[in-house]
Amino acid sequence: MRTKSAVRKTRSGKELAHAAPEQSFWVCSGLVLGDLRALHDALLKRMDDATYRYHVAGRRNDFSKWVAEVLKDQTCAKALAKAKDRTTAARAVAVALKEYR
């Protein structure tokens, strides 16, 4: 049975989704991500380019898919799908996070 992601209200009124433990994003390096803030931190500080490329190869984009399906942020997911590198992906998530503040 699939559970819904936990959601927390923010000052702006837009809700920031937090993935249920079983829906967390498991990065191939061992990091476990539960929301957009964790993804942003990982992309900027904790993930190298090779790890990013592992999850974004060819037509596959694990980050975009997870953000769309689990966190339900279609705008951010589309921006992640267009990102060609880790830095651009981090910027896309940073822009999305501004909507939650």
Protein backbone atom coordinates (compact mmCIF):
# COMPACT_ATOMS: atom_id res chain seq x y z
CA MET A 1 0.00 0.00 0.00
CA ARG A 2 1.34 3.40 -0.96
CA THR A 3 1.15 6.16 1.63
CA LYS A 4 0.89 9.86 0.97
CA SER A 5 3.83 12.15 1.59
CA ALA A 6 3.71 14.20 4.76
CA VAL A 7 3.14 17.88 4.10
CA ARG A 8 4.17 20.91 6.15
CA LYS A 9 2.72 24.40 5.71
CA THR A 10 5.20 27.19 5.22
CA ARG A 11 4.99 30.93 5.75
CA SER A 12 3.95 31.57 2.16
CA GLY A 13 1.06 29.13 2.48
CA LYS A 14 2.42 26.75 -0.15
CA GLU A 15 3.06 23.31 1.27
CA LEU A 16 6.46 21.64 1.20
CA ALA A 17 6.07 17.91 0.73
CA HIS A 18 8.15 15.47 2.75
CA ALA A 19 8.39 11.96 1.40
CA ALA A 20 7.28 9.10 3.59
CA PRO A 21 10.30 6.97 4.56
CA GLU A 22 9.46 4.31 1.99
CA GLN A 23 9.24 6.98 -0.73
CA SER A 24 12.52 8.71 0.09
CA PHE A 25 15.05 9.10 -2.70
CA TRP A 26 17.98 6.75 -2.23
CA VAL A 27 21.02 8.18 -4.01
CA CYS A 28 23.48 5.56 -5.31
CA SER A 29 26.15 7.01 -2.97
CA GLY A 30 24.05 6.19 0.10
CA LEU A 31 22.39 9.56 0.73
CA VAL A 32 18.69 9.43 1.55
CA LEU A 33 16.60 12.45 0.57
CA GLY A 34 13.15 13.29 1.84
CA ASP A 35 12.28 16.71 0.43
CA LEU A 36 13.39 19.49 -1.89
CA ARG A 37 15.64 21.07 0.74
CA ALA A 38 17.56 17.82 1.14
CA LEU A 39 17.82 17.46 -2.65
CA HIS A 40 19.15 21.01 -2.95
CA ASP A 41 21.73 20.42 -0.22
CA ALA A 42 22.82 17.15 -1.82
CA LEU A 43 23.18 18.68 -5.27
CA LEU A 44 25.24 21.59 -3.95
CA LYS A 45 27.37 20.02 -1.24
CA ARG A 46 27.13 16.26 -0.95
CA MET A 47 26.94 14.86 -4.46
CA ASP A 48 29.69 14.69 -7.06
CA ASP A 49 29.16 14.93 -10.80
CA ALA A 50 29.53 11.19 -11.36
CA THR A 51 26.75 10.46 -8.87
CA TYR A 52 24.53 13.04 -10.55
CA ARG A 53 25.19 11.50 -13.96
CA TYR A 54 24.33 8.05 -12.63
CA HIS A 55 20.81 9.25 -11.85
CA VAL A 56 20.52 11.44 -14.96
CA ALA A 57 21.57 9.42 -17.99
CA GLY A 58 20.12 9.59 -21.47
CA ARG A 59 16.37 10.00 -21.22
CA ARG A 60 16.31 8.92 -17.56
CA ASN A 61 16.16 11.55 -14.84
CA ASP A 62 15.53 9.95 -11.45
CA PHE A 63 15.43 13.30 -9.66
CA SER A 64 12.78 14.77 -11.94
CA LYS A 65 10.68 11.64 -11.71
CA TRP A 66 10.86 11.55 -7.89
CA VAL A 67 10.00 15.25 -7.55
CA ALA A 68 7.02 14.83 -9.88
CA GLU A 69 5.66 11.57 -8.50
CA VAL A 70 6.44 11.78 -4.79
CA LEU A 71 6.82 15.47 -3.96
CA LYS A 72 4.16 16.54 -6.50
CA ASP A 73 6.03 19.62 -7.72
CA GLN A 74 5.52 19.51 -11.48
CA THR A 75 7.22 22.86 -12.14
CA CYS A 76 10.40 21.82 -10.36
CA ALA A 77 10.29 18.39 -12.00
CA LYS A 78 10.15 19.97 -15.46
CA ALA A 79 13.06 22.27 -14.62
CA LEU A 80 15.08 19.31 -13.35
CA ALA A 81 14.33 17.40 -16.54
CA LYS A 82 15.87 20.26 -18.55
CA ALA A 83 18.97 20.59 -16.35
CA LYS A 84 22.13 19.42 -18.10
CA ASP A 85 24.37 19.30 -15.02
CA ARG A 86 24.36 19.20 -11.23
CA THR A 87 24.79 22.95 -10.80
CA THR A 88 21.86 23.76 -13.08
CA ALA A 89 19.74 21.17 -11.27
CA ALA A 90 20.62 22.78 -7.92
CA ARG A 91 19.56 26.18 -9.30
CA ALA A 92 16.24 24.71 -10.47
CA VAL A 93 15.55 23.36 -6.99
CA ALA A 94 16.58 26.68 -5.41
CA VAL A 95 14.06 28.51 -7.59
CA ALA A 96 11.36 26.02 -6.60
CA LEU A 97 12.18 26.39 -2.90
CA LYS A 98 11.53 30.14 -3.09
CA GLU A 99 7.88 29.28 -3.69
CA TYR A 100 7.77 27.59 -0.29
CA ARG A 101 9.22 30.45 1.74
